[in-house]
């Protein structure tokens, strides 16, 4: 009989004892563990080194004070967890211990995890509450007020439950003019949370097509924590948070609190309480409207009587009894203001005339031709002084040169004579250059002074459009109308000549005054 092709060869040591391969030893260990341990074990430990692979599998370590145990949880089992495993969380792991042959280590293949000391649903509820709270889902500032008189509402609940009957009955009893729209969904079991979230989204998207929706009621009747779990799913919380229509949560009984209650704009203890919360009592509202109508009538009558009394009092006032008196008073005020304006204008003109006369006196005192003569005399004196100084400087230089010549003649420094001659020539040139520069500077100053004097002279004033009027007889400058008589001959000087005229209608201004 030939051996099987997959049979492992038996090896022998030098002492003829059989040896096992690594695979053979690992297989025996796996058989020993499988025979010694039950198919399902329950292990209590603390989670550490938790890793969620991209495939969805969970890899973690369970540890206590003395030991650690490697664990694996496949994706299909991890998807059924109600809570989120975290490092440091103490759990009870249910699974089977097997040997991972490739790595040569044993590990626990976990089928289920339960938090120790608290239920999985309770822990999942706390974890999701903490997450949504950090994201601001429960902030009171974002929650909206409900409309006082809603006209059309949407109810998301089971069409066969007691909750819808209670809500509709309460609405019919309290406010029958309200139009309810029922969106049927499942409220428990797999897929219920997705249906509730989808219903909220669809109503928000189609509110205008439905004629407008003032608010949405999401709820169901009472039940266990498992029955109400659809309202604790994150997908429902996200849909309520994103809703642009105010949402009222009415889940279970008063003691039941769900995440939908915390995220919604308003929480109602029961479905019936939700219907009472959103609807006023019709007969009470009608009574209130009737009382408002009575108050409004009394208020209108009172205001009309008060307005009539005030109108009669206004008609008795002087402006309405004698309006012409008020107009005459205003005309008198206008006459006084016109007189004051004319006096002010006359005073202003007289002041300007005095300033012109004073300026003319100042110009005449300046006497530009006399200033030019004085300045020319000063310049001539300065030129004479400069010439004298230059002459003295030259004389002193010549005297010094002569003295040096004598000293040279006495000392016979024949080799220094050419250099001294050159130096004397340089001094002569410097003196002559200094004289020319000084004369040029003085000439420039004289020209600038002449330009300045020309600018302030009476000829420049005439060139700007002014004129000087004199009496032909005696050529006296006229400064006032009092100095001239009708028929008197006048001479008017302009910038380019003079012309003769005759004075007429001297008192024409007095006629206007």
Protein backbone atom coordinates (compact mmCIF):
# COMPACT_ATOMS: atom_id res chain seq x y z
CA UNK A 1 0.00 0.00 0.00
CA UNK A 2 1.57 3.29 -1.08
CA UNK A 3 1.61 6.19 1.36
CA UNK A 4 -0.68 9.22 0.89
CA UNK A 5 0.94 12.11 -0.92
CA UNK A 6 0.01 14.59 1.91
CA UNK A 7 1.34 12.42 4.71
CA UNK A 8 4.05 14.02 6.79
CA UNK A 9 7.35 12.10 6.96
CA UNK A 10 8.42 10.87 10.36
CA UNK A 11 11.70 12.30 11.47
CA UNK A 12 14.07 10.76 13.96
CA UNK A 13 16.64 12.33 16.19
CA UNK A 14 20.13 10.91 16.55
CA UNK A 15 18.82 8.98 19.59
CA UNK A 16 16.06 7.47 17.40
CA UNK A 17 13.27 9.46 19.14
CA UNK A 18 10.50 10.74 16.80
CA UNK A 19 10.40 14.60 16.28
CA UNK A 20 7.36 16.72 15.37
CA UNK A 21 7.16 19.53 12.88
CA UNK A 22 5.80 22.91 13.92
CA UNK A 23 2.55 22.23 12.08
CA UNK A 24 2.17 18.83 13.77
CA UNK A 25 2.74 20.28 17.22
CA UNK A 26 0.33 23.18 16.55
CA UNK A 27 -2.34 20.72 15.37
CA UNK A 28 -1.97 18.64 18.54
CA UNK A 29 -2.24 21.78 20.69
CA UNK A 30 -5.39 22.78 18.79
CA UNK A 31 -6.89 19.32 19.37
CA UNK A 32 -5.95 19.45 23.07
CA UNK A 33 -7.58 22.86 23.55
CA UNK A 34 -10.68 21.81 21.63
CA UNK A 35 -11.01 18.70 23.76
CA UNK A 36 -10.34 20.45 27.06
CA UNK A 37 -12.57 23.56 26.66
CA UNK A 38 -16.32 23.74 25.95
CA UNK A 39 -17.53 25.05 22.62
CA UNK A 40 -18.67 28.34 24.18
CA UNK A 41 -16.82 30.20 26.91
CA UNK A 42 -17.64 33.44 28.76
CA UNK A 43 -14.68 35.65 29.60
CA UNK A 44 -14.70 38.81 31.74
CA UNK A 45 -12.00 41.37 31.06
CA UNK A 46 -11.09 44.93 30.20
CA UNK A 47 -10.76 45.97 26.55
CA UNK A 48 -7.39 47.29 25.38
CA UNK A 49 -5.60 47.74 22.03
CA UNK A 50 -8.95 47.93 20.22
CA UNK A 51 -8.60 48.19 16.44
CA UNK A 52 -11.32 48.21 13.78
CA UNK A 53 -9.94 47.00 10.46
CA UNK A 54 -11.09 48.39 7.12
CA UNK A 55 -12.79 45.06 6.51
CA UNK A 56 -15.03 45.65 9.54
CA UNK A 57 -13.41 43.03 11.79
CA UNK A 58 -12.55 43.96 15.40
CA UNK A 59 -9.21 43.06 16.95
CA UNK A 60 -8.84 43.58 20.70
CA UNK A 61 -7.20 42.31 23.84
CA UNK A 62 -9.00 41.32 27.03
CA UNK A 63 -6.92 41.72 30.16
CA UNK A 64 -7.12 41.55 33.91
CA UNK A 65 -4.55 42.21 36.60
CA UNK A 66 -2.40 39.20 35.65
CA UNK A 67 -3.02 38.10 32.03
CA UNK A 68 -4.04 39.14 28.54
CA UNK A 69 -6.07 37.33 25.88
CA UNK A 70 -6.08 38.13 22.14
CA UNK A 71 -9.56 38.32 20.65
CA UNK A 72 -11.10 38.62 17.18
CA UNK A 73 -14.68 39.56 16.31
CA UNK A 74 -15.77 39.08 12.73
CA UNK A 75 -17.59 41.81 10.84
CA UNK A 76 -20.97 40.03 10.84
CA UNK A 77 -20.90 39.76 14.64
CA UNK A 78 -19.55 43.31 15.15
CA UNK A 79 -22.39 44.78 13.07
CA UNK A 80 -24.94 43.47 15.60
CA UNK A 81 -23.39 45.39 18.54
CA UNK A 82 -25.71 47.98 20.06
CA UNK A 83 -22.88 49.97 21.68
CA UNK A 84 -19.43 51.11 20.63
CA UNK A 85 -16.55 49.16 22.23
CA UNK A 86 -13.87 51.37 23.77
CA UNK A 87 -10.52 50.84 25.47
CA UNK A 88 -10.92 50.53 29.24
CA UNK A 89 -14.49 49.20 29.07
CA UNK A 90 -15.09 46.02 31.11
CA UNK A 91 -17.13 43.48 29.13
CA UNK A 92 -18.29 39.88 29.09
CA UNK A 93 -17.12 38.21 25.87
CA UNK A 94 -18.93 35.14 24.53
CA UNK A 95 -17.09 32.97 22.02
CA UNK A 96 -14.82 30.03 21.28
CA UNK A 97 -11.10 29.57 21.95
CA UNK A 98 -9.12 28.30 18.99
CA UNK A 99 -5.52 28.23 17.82
CA UNK A 100 -4.46 30.53 15.03
CA UNK A 101 -2.13 28.05 13.35
CA UNK A 102 -0.30 30.46 11.12
CA UNK A 103 0.90 32.61 14.03
CA UNK A 104 1.06 29.74 16.53
CA UNK A 105 -1.06 31.45 19.18
CA UNK A 106 -4.44 30.84 20.71
CA UNK A 107 -7.14 33.51 20.67
CA UNK A 108 -10.79 33.99 21.49
CA UNK A 109 -13.18 34.32 18.53
CA UNK A 110 -15.89 36.56 20.02
CA UNK A 111 -19.48 36.16 18.90
CA UNK A 112 -21.04 38.62 21.35
CA UNK A 113 -19.96 41.40 23.74
CA UNK A 114 -21.93 42.67 26.70
CA UNK A 115 -20.86 45.56 28.92
CA UNK A 116 -20.47 44.43 32.49
CA UNK A 117 -22.70 46.18 35.03
CA UNK A 118 -24.92 47.93 32.43
CA UNK A 119 -26.99 46.68 29.49
CA UNK A 120 -25.79 47.07 25.93
CA UNK A 121 -28.74 49.24 24.98
CA UNK A 122 -28.27 51.49 28.00
CA UNK A 123 -24.56 51.91 27.21
CA UNK A 124 -25.31 52.61 23.54
CA UNK A 125 -27.88 55.22 24.64
CA UNK A 126 -25.33 56.95 26.88
CA UNK A 127 -22.60 56.90 24.24
CA UNK A 128 -24.83 58.36 21.54
CA UNK A 129 -26.14 61.03 23.96
CA UNK A 130 -22.58 62.08 24.75
CA UNK A 131 -21.65 62.22 21.06
CA UNK A 132 -24.69 64.27 20.01
CA UNK A 133 -24.31 66.62 22.97
CA UNK A 134 -20.77 67.48 21.88
CA UNK A 135 -22.09 68.19 18.37
CA UNK A 136 -24.71 70.63 19.73
CA UNK A 137 -27.81 68.56 18.96
CA UNK A 138 -29.33 69.27 22.39
CA UNK A 139 -28.64 73.02 22.53
CA UNK A 140 -31.72 74.96 23.67
CA UNK A 141 -30.74 77.96 21.54
CA UNK A 142 -31.37 76.08 18.27
CA UNK A 143 -34.83 74.85 19.23
CA UNK A 144 -37.76 76.71 17.68
CA UNK A 145 -41.11 77.80 19.10
CA UNK A 146 -44.23 76.07 17.87
CA UNK A 147 -46.81 78.07 15.86
CA UNK A 148 -49.66 79.23 18.05
CA UNK A 149 -52.39 78.39 15.53
CA UNK A 150 -51.16 75.62 13.20
CA UNK A 151 -53.24 74.95 10.09
CA UNK A 152 -51.66 71.76 8.73
CA UNK A 153 -49.50 69.24 10.60
CA UNK A 154 -47.84 65.93 9.69
CA UNK A 155 -47.90 62.87 11.98
CA UNK A 156 -45.18 60.23 11.56
CA UNK A 157 -46.25 57.05 13.36
CA UNK A 158 -47.74 53.62 12.88
CA UNK A 159 -51.19 53.78 11.21
CA UNK A 160 -52.49 50.89 13.37
CA UNK A 161 -51.22 51.94 16.80
CA UNK A 162 -53.09 53.57 19.64
CA UNK A 163 -50.95 56.72 19.32
CA UNK A 164 -52.51 57.85 16.03
CA UNK A 165 -56.02 57.31 17.35
CA UNK A 166 -55.30 59.34 20.50
CA UNK A 167 -53.75 62.20 18.49
CA UNK A 168 -56.59 62.41 15.96
CA UNK A 169 -59.26 62.16 18.64
CA UNK A 170 -57.66 64.96 20.68
CA UNK A 171 -57.33 67.22 17.61
CA UNK A 172 -60.99 66.64 16.66
CA UNK A 173 -62.08 67.47 20.18
CA UNK A 174 -59.95 70.60 20.74
CA UNK A 175 -59.34 72.19 17.32
CA UNK A 176 -61.30 70.52 14.48
CA UNK A 177 -60.24 73.15 11.92
CA UNK A 178 -56.67 71.74 11.95
CA UNK A 179 -55.76 69.49 8.97
CA UNK A 180 -53.62 66.45 9.96
CA UNK A 181 -51.52 64.49 7.43
CA UNK A 182 -50.53 60.95 8.47
CA UNK A 183 -47.25 59.48 7.19
CA UNK A 184 -47.35 55.75 8.05
CA UNK A 185 -44.07 54.11 9.16
CA UNK A 186 -42.93 51.21 11.27
CA UNK A 187 -42.05 52.30 14.80
CA UNK A 188 -40.11 49.24 15.98
CA UNK A 189 -38.05 46.43 14.61
CA UNK A 190 -35.30 46.34 11.93
CA UNK A 191 -35.51 49.19 9.43
CA UNK A 192 -37.92 51.27 11.54
CA UNK A 193 -35.36 53.99 12.26
CA UNK A 194 -34.54 54.38 8.56
CA UNK A 195 -38.26 54.72 7.71
CA UNK A 196 -38.77 57.40 10.39
CA UNK A 197 -35.73 59.40 9.22
CA UNK A 198 -36.79 59.10 5.58
CA UNK A 199 -40.31 60.31 6.43
CA UNK A 200 -38.92 63.46 8.11
CA UNK A 201 -36.69 64.17 5.12
CA UNK A 202 -39.49 63.61 2.57
CA UNK A 203 -41.91 65.90 4.43
CA UNK A 204 -39.32 68.69 4.57
CA UNK A 205 -38.60 68.34 0.87
CA UNK A 206 -42.28 68.29 -0.20
CA UNK A 207 -43.83 70.68 2.35
CA UNK A 208 -44.67 73.29 -0.31
CA UNK A 209 -46.31 70.73 -2.60
CA UNK A 210 -48.45 69.54 0.30
CA UNK A 211 -49.78 73.05 0.91
CA UNK A 212 -47.38 73.90 3.73
CA UNK A 213 -46.67 72.03 6.96
CA UNK A 214 -46.52 73.99 10.21
CA UNK A 215 -45.01 71.22 12.37
CA UNK A 216 -44.31 67.48 12.52
CA UNK A 217 -45.24 65.04 15.30
CA UNK A 218 -43.00 61.96 15.59
CA UNK A 219 -44.08 59.33 18.10
CA UNK A 220 -45.61 56.07 19.18
CA UNK A 221 -47.17 54.48 22.25
CA UNK A 222 -45.32 53.03 25.23
CA UNK A 223 -43.14 49.91 25.32
CA UNK A 224 -39.86 48.46 26.51
CA UNK A 225 -36.46 49.97 25.77
CA UNK A 226 -36.07 47.54 22.87
CA UNK A 227 -39.48 48.54 21.46
CA UNK A 228 -38.57 52.26 21.60
CA UNK A 229 -35.06 51.77 20.27
CA UNK A 230 -35.86 53.06 16.76
CA UNK A 231 -36.18 56.56 18.30
CA UNK A 232 -32.69 56.21 19.85
CA UNK A 233 -30.92 55.68 16.52
CA UNK A 234 -28.47 58.32 15.29
CA UNK A 235 -30.10 58.44 11.84
CA UNK A 236 -33.38 59.65 13.40
CA UNK A 237 -31.53 62.27 15.48
CA UNK A 238 -29.76 63.53 12.35
CA UNK A 239 -33.06 63.85 10.45
CA UNK A 240 -34.77 65.76 13.29
CA UNK A 241 -31.74 68.06 13.66
CA UNK A 242 -31.73 68.84 9.91
CA UNK A 243 -35.50 69.46 9.72
CA UNK A 244 -36.53 72.99 8.78
CA UNK A 245 -40.03 72.30 10.14
CA UNK A 246 -40.46 72.29 13.95
CA UNK A 247 -40.62 68.74 15.32
CA UNK A 248 -42.57 67.53 18.37
CA UNK A 249 -41.43 64.20 19.82
CA UNK A 250 -44.15 62.09 21.53
CA UNK A 251 -42.63 58.69 22.30
CA UNK A 252 -43.93 56.29 24.94
CA UNK A 253 -45.07 57.36 28.37
CA UNK A 254 -43.93 60.22 30.57
CA UNK A 255 -41.08 58.18 32.13
CA UNK A 256 -39.69 57.18 28.72
CA UNK A 257 -36.96 59.47 27.41
CA UNK A 258 -35.44 58.89 23.98
CA UNK A 259 -32.79 60.66 21.96
CA UNK A 260 -35.53 61.89 19.63
CA UNK A 261 -37.09 63.67 22.65
CA UNK A 262 -33.79 65.42 23.39
CA UNK A 263 -33.15 66.55 19.80
CA UNK A 264 -36.72 67.62 18.94
CA UNK A 265 -37.82 71.24 19.32
CA UNK A 266 -40.47 70.21 21.89
CA UNK A 267 -40.91 66.96 23.86
CA UNK A 268 -44.40 65.77 24.77
CA UNK A 269 -44.87 63.17 27.52
CA UNK A 270 -47.39 61.15 25.48
CA UNK A 271 -48.97 61.29 22.01
CA UNK A 272 -52.16 62.72 23.57
CA UNK A 273 -50.09 65.38 25.34
CA UNK A 274 -48.49 66.26 22.00
CA UNK A 275 -51.90 66.85 20.41
CA UNK A 276 -52.95 69.03 23.37
CA UNK A 277 -49.66 70.91 23.23
CA UNK A 278 -50.01 72.00 19.60
CA UNK A 279 -53.74 72.81 19.54
CA UNK A 280 -55.75 75.49 21.33
CA UNK A 281 -59.29 74.82 22.56
CA UNK A 282 -61.63 76.16 19.89
CA UNK A 283 -64.46 77.43 22.11
CA UNK A 284 -61.97 79.12 24.44
CA UNK A 285 -60.37 80.74 21.42
CA UNK A 286 -63.75 81.95 20.14
CA UNK A 287 -64.59 83.40 23.58
CA UNK A 288 -61.23 85.17 23.60
CA UNK A 289 -61.84 86.60 20.12
CA UNK A 290 -65.28 87.86 21.21
CA UNK A 291 -63.78 89.58 24.24
CA UNK A 292 -61.13 91.17 22.01
CA UNK A 293 -63.88 92.46 19.69
CA UNK A 294 -65.68 94.11 22.62
CA UNK A 295 -62.46 95.68 23.86
CA UNK A 296 -61.63 96.87 20.35
CA UNK A 297 -65.06 98.49 19.94
CA UNK A 298 -64.75 100.33 23.25
CA UNK A 299 -61.24 101.43 22.38
CA UNK A 300 -62.29 102.73 18.92
CA UNK A 301 -65.22 104.68 20.35
CA UNK A 302 -63.08 106.18 23.06
CA UNK A 303 -60.37 107.23 20.60
CA UNK A 304 -62.89 108.71 18.16
CA UNK A 305 -64.52 110.76 20.94
CA UNK A 306 -61.10 111.95 22.12
CA UNK A 307 -60.11 112.88 18.56
CA UNK A 308 -63.37 114.83 18.09
CA UNK A 309 -62.78 116.75 21.33
CA UNK A 310 -59.23 117.60 20.30
CA UNK A 311 -60.37 118.71 16.84
CA UNK A 312 -62.94 121.08 18.31
CA UNK A 313 -60.31 122.50 20.66
CA UNK A 314 -57.97 123.07 17.74
CA UNK A 315 -60.67 124.95 15.81
CA UNK A 316 -61.06 127.35 18.74
CA UNK A 317 -57.42 128.44 18.60
CA UNK A 318 -56.50 131.90 17.27
CA UNK A 319 -54.76 130.79 14.01
CA UNK A 320 -57.94 129.08 12.87
CA UNK A 321 -60.29 131.85 14.05
CA UNK A 322 -58.30 134.77 12.55
CA UNK A 323 -55.70 133.44 10.08
CA UNK A 324 -55.07 136.92 8.55
CA UNK A 325 -53.61 138.17 11.85
CA UNK A 326 -50.93 135.48 11.75
CA UNK A 327 -50.09 136.37 8.13
CA UNK A 328 -49.71 140.09 8.96
CA UNK A 329 -47.41 139.26 11.86
CA UNK A 330 -45.25 137.19 9.56
CA UNK A 331 -45.15 140.04 7.02
CA UNK A 332 -43.97 142.40 9.77
CA UNK A 333 -41.22 139.98 10.74
CA UNK A 334 -40.15 139.78 7.08
CA UNK A 335 -40.01 143.59 6.83
CA UNK A 336 -37.82 143.78 9.94
CA UNK A 337 -35.48 141.08 8.60
CA UNK A 338 -35.20 142.86 5.23
CA UNK A 339 -34.33 146.15 6.97
CA UNK A 340 -31.69 144.45 9.09
CA UNK A 341 -30.19 142.78 6.00
CA UNK A 342 -30.00 146.12 4.12
CA UNK A 343 -28.35 147.89 7.07
CA UNK A 344 -25.86 145.03 7.45
CA UNK A 345 -25.02 145.15 3.73
CA UNK A 346 -24.52 148.93 3.80
CA UNK A 347 -22.23 148.66 6.82
CA UNK A 348 -20.26 145.94 5.09
CA UNK A 349 -19.83 148.04 1.95
CA UNK A 350 -18.70 151.05 4.01
CA UNK A 351 -16.15 148.88 5.82
CA UNK A 352 -14.77 147.56 2.54
CA UNK A 353 -14.57 151.14 1.17
CA UNK A 354 -12.56 152.22 4.24
CA UNK A 355 -10.19 149.28 3.80
CA UNK A 356 -9.61 150.24 0.15
CA UNK A 357 -8.85 153.84 1.12
CA UNK A 358 -6.39 152.65 3.76
CA UNK A 359 -4.67 150.35 1.27
CA UNK A 360 -4.29 153.22 -1.20
CA UNK A 361 -2.65 155.36 1.48
CA UNK A 362 -0.24 152.54 2.26
CA UNK A 363 0.66 152.15 -1.42
CA UNK A 364 1.33 155.85 -1.72
CA UNK A 365 3.50 155.78 1.39
CA UNK A 366 5.55 153.01 -0.13
CA UNK A 367 6.28 155.25 -3.20
CA UNK A 368 7.90 152.59 -5.45
CA UNK A 369 10.01 155.11 -7.46
CA UNK A 370 11.44 156.55 -4.25
CA UNK A 371 12.17 153.00 -2.99
CA UNK A 372 13.98 152.25 -6.23
CA UNK A 373 16.02 155.43 -5.90
CA UNK A 374 16.96 154.58 -2.31
CA UNK A 375 17.84 151.01 -3.20
CA UNK A 376 19.90 152.18 -6.20
CA UNK A 377 21.75 154.64 -3.95
CA UNK A 378 22.48 151.87 -1.45
CA UNK A 379 23.74 149.62 -4.23
CA UNK A 380 25.96 152.38 -5.58
CA UNK A 381 27.31 152.95 -2.08
CA UNK A 382 27.95 149.25 -1.73
CA UNK A 383 29.72 149.18 -5.09
CA UNK A 384 31.88 152.16 -4.09
CA UNK A 385 32.69 150.52 -0.77
CA UNK A 386 33.58 147.29 -2.56
CA UNK A 387 35.83 149.13 -5.00
CA UNK A 388 37.58 150.90 -2.13
CA UNK A 389 38.04 147.62 -0.34
CA UNK A 390 39.40 146.01 -3.46
CA UNK A 391 41.71 148.94 -4.02
CA UNK A 392 42.94 148.74 -0.44
CA UNK A 393 43.35 144.98 -0.85
CA UNK A 394 45.32 145.48 -4.03
CA UNK A 395 47.36 148.26 -2.48
CA UNK A 396 48.10 146.08 0.50
CA UNK A 397 49.03 143.26 -1.84
CA UNK A 398 51.28 145.49 -3.85
CA UNK A 399 52.85 146.85 -0.68
CA UNK A 400 53.40 143.33 0.57
CA UNK A 401 54.80 142.34 -2.80
CA UNK A 402 57.15 145.28 -2.75
CA UNK A 403 58.23 144.41 0.76
CA UNK A 404 58.85 140.85 -0.29
CA UNK A 405 60.74 142.09 -3.32
CA UNK A 406 62.95 144.16 -1.11
CA UNK A 407 63.47 141.22 1.21
CA UNK A 408 64.22 139.02 -1.75
CA UNK A 409 66.58 141.60 -3.14
CA UNK A 410 68.35 141.77 0.19
CA UNK A 411 68.41 137.98 0.59
CA UNK A 412 69.00 137.33 -3.14
CA UNK A 413 66.76 134.27 -3.28
CA UNK A 414 66.90 134.08 -7.07
CA UNK A 415 65.48 130.56 -7.13
CA UNK A 416 62.27 131.66 -5.24
CA UNK A 417 61.48 134.64 -7.47
CA UNK A 418 59.65 132.70 -10.22
CA UNK A 419 57.43 130.90 -7.69
CA UNK A 420 56.59 134.09 -5.86
CA UNK A 421 55.74 135.70 -9.18
CA UNK A 422 53.39 132.84 -10.00
CA UNK A 423 51.77 133.15 -6.60
CA UNK A 424 51.24 136.86 -7.07
CA UNK A 425 49.63 136.17 -10.44
CA UNK A 426 47.30 133.62 -8.86
CA UNK A 427 46.34 136.11 -6.17
CA UNK A 428 45.60 138.72 -8.84
CA UNK A 429 43.42 136.25 -10.72
CA UNK A 430 41.56 135.24 -7.53
CA UNK A 431 40.98 138.90 -6.64
CA UNK A 432 39.66 139.64 -10.11
CA UNK A 433 37.43 136.54 -10.05
CA UNK A 434 36.11 137.47 -6.60
CA UNK A 435 35.31 140.98 -7.80
CA UNK A 436 33.42 139.64 -10.82
CA UNK A 437 31.41 137.17 -8.73
CA UNK A 438 30.56 139.82 -6.13
CA UNK A 439 29.44 142.27 -8.83
CA UNK A 440 27.36 139.56 -10.51
CA UNK A 441 25.64 138.69 -7.19
CA UNK A 442 24.86 142.33 -6.51
CA UNK A 443 23.43 142.73 -10.03
CA UNK A 444 21.15 139.73 -9.48
CA UNK A 445 19.93 141.18 -6.19
CA UNK A 446 19.21 144.53 -7.93
CA UNK A 447 17.17 142.78 -10.63
CA UNK A 448 15.14 140.78 -8.05
CA UNK A 449 14.45 143.98 -6.08
CA UNK A 450 13.33 145.73 -9.27
CA UNK A 451 10.95 142.84 -10.04
CA UNK A 452 9.54 142.98 -6.48
CA UNK A 453 9.04 146.71 -6.68
CA UNK A 454 7.41 146.36 -10.08
CA UNK A 455 4.96 143.81 -8.63
CA UNK A 456 3.81 146.17 -5.84
CA UNK A 457 3.80 149.34 -7.93
CA UNK A 458 0.59 151.10 -8.97
CA UNK A 459 1.27 150.20 -12.61
CA UNK A 460 0.94 146.47 -11.84
CA UNK A 461 -2.28 147.20 -9.94
CA UNK A 462 -3.62 149.02 -13.02
CA UNK A 463 -2.57 146.08 -15.21
CA UNK A 464 -4.80 143.79 -13.13
CA UNK A 465 -7.92 145.74 -14.15
CA UNK A 466 -8.04 148.62 -11.66
CA UNK A 467 -8.14 152.31 -12.60
CA UNK A 468 -7.45 155.71 -10.96
CA UNK A 469 -9.91 158.53 -11.43
CA UNK A 470 -8.78 162.16 -10.95
CA UNK A 471 -10.28 165.56 -11.36
CA UNK A 472 -8.99 167.09 -14.56
CA UNK A 473 -8.54 170.34 -12.78
CA UNK A 474 -5.67 169.92 -10.31
CA UNK A 475 -5.44 166.10 -11.04
CA UNK A 476 -6.70 165.27 -7.52
CA UNK A 477 -7.51 161.59 -6.96
CA UNK A 478 -11.21 160.99 -6.26
CA UNK A 479 -12.02 158.99 -3.09
CA UNK A 480 -15.70 159.87 -2.58
CA UNK A 481 -18.72 161.00 -4.57
CA UNK A 482 -18.81 164.11 -2.39
CA UNK A 483 -15.64 165.39 -4.12
CA UNK A 484 -17.20 165.54 -7.60
CA UNK A 485 -20.13 167.51 -9.06
CA UNK A 486 -22.30 167.05 -12.13
CA UNK A 487 -20.64 168.20 -15.32
CA UNK A 488 -17.13 168.14 -13.89
CA UNK A 489 -14.40 166.77 -16.22
CA UNK A 490 -12.63 163.62 -15.05
CA UNK A 491 -9.43 161.81 -16.05
CA UNK A 492 -9.36 157.98 -15.75
CA UNK A 493 -5.95 156.32 -15.83
CA UNK A 494 -5.67 152.69 -17.07
CA UNK A 495 -2.65 150.47 -17.51
CA UNK A 496 -2.11 151.55 -21.11
CA UNK A 497 -3.21 155.24 -21.01
CA UNK A 498 -5.78 157.79 -19.90
CA UNK A 499 -9.13 158.98 -21.15
CA UNK A 500 -11.33 161.97 -20.29
CA UNK A 501 -15.00 161.77 -19.18
CA UNK A 502 -17.75 163.91 -17.68
CA UNK A 503 -19.61 163.20 -14.37
CA UNK A 504 -23.40 162.90 -14.60
CA UNK A 505 -26.27 161.77 -12.31
CA UNK A 506 -24.08 161.88 -9.20
CA UNK A 507 -27.11 161.45 -6.87
CA UNK A 508 -28.54 158.42 -8.73
CA UNK A 509 -27.82 156.08 -5.81
CA UNK A 510 -29.75 158.30 -3.43
CA UNK A 511 -32.83 157.82 -5.56
CA UNK A 512 -32.69 154.06 -5.03
CA UNK A 513 -32.10 154.47 -1.33
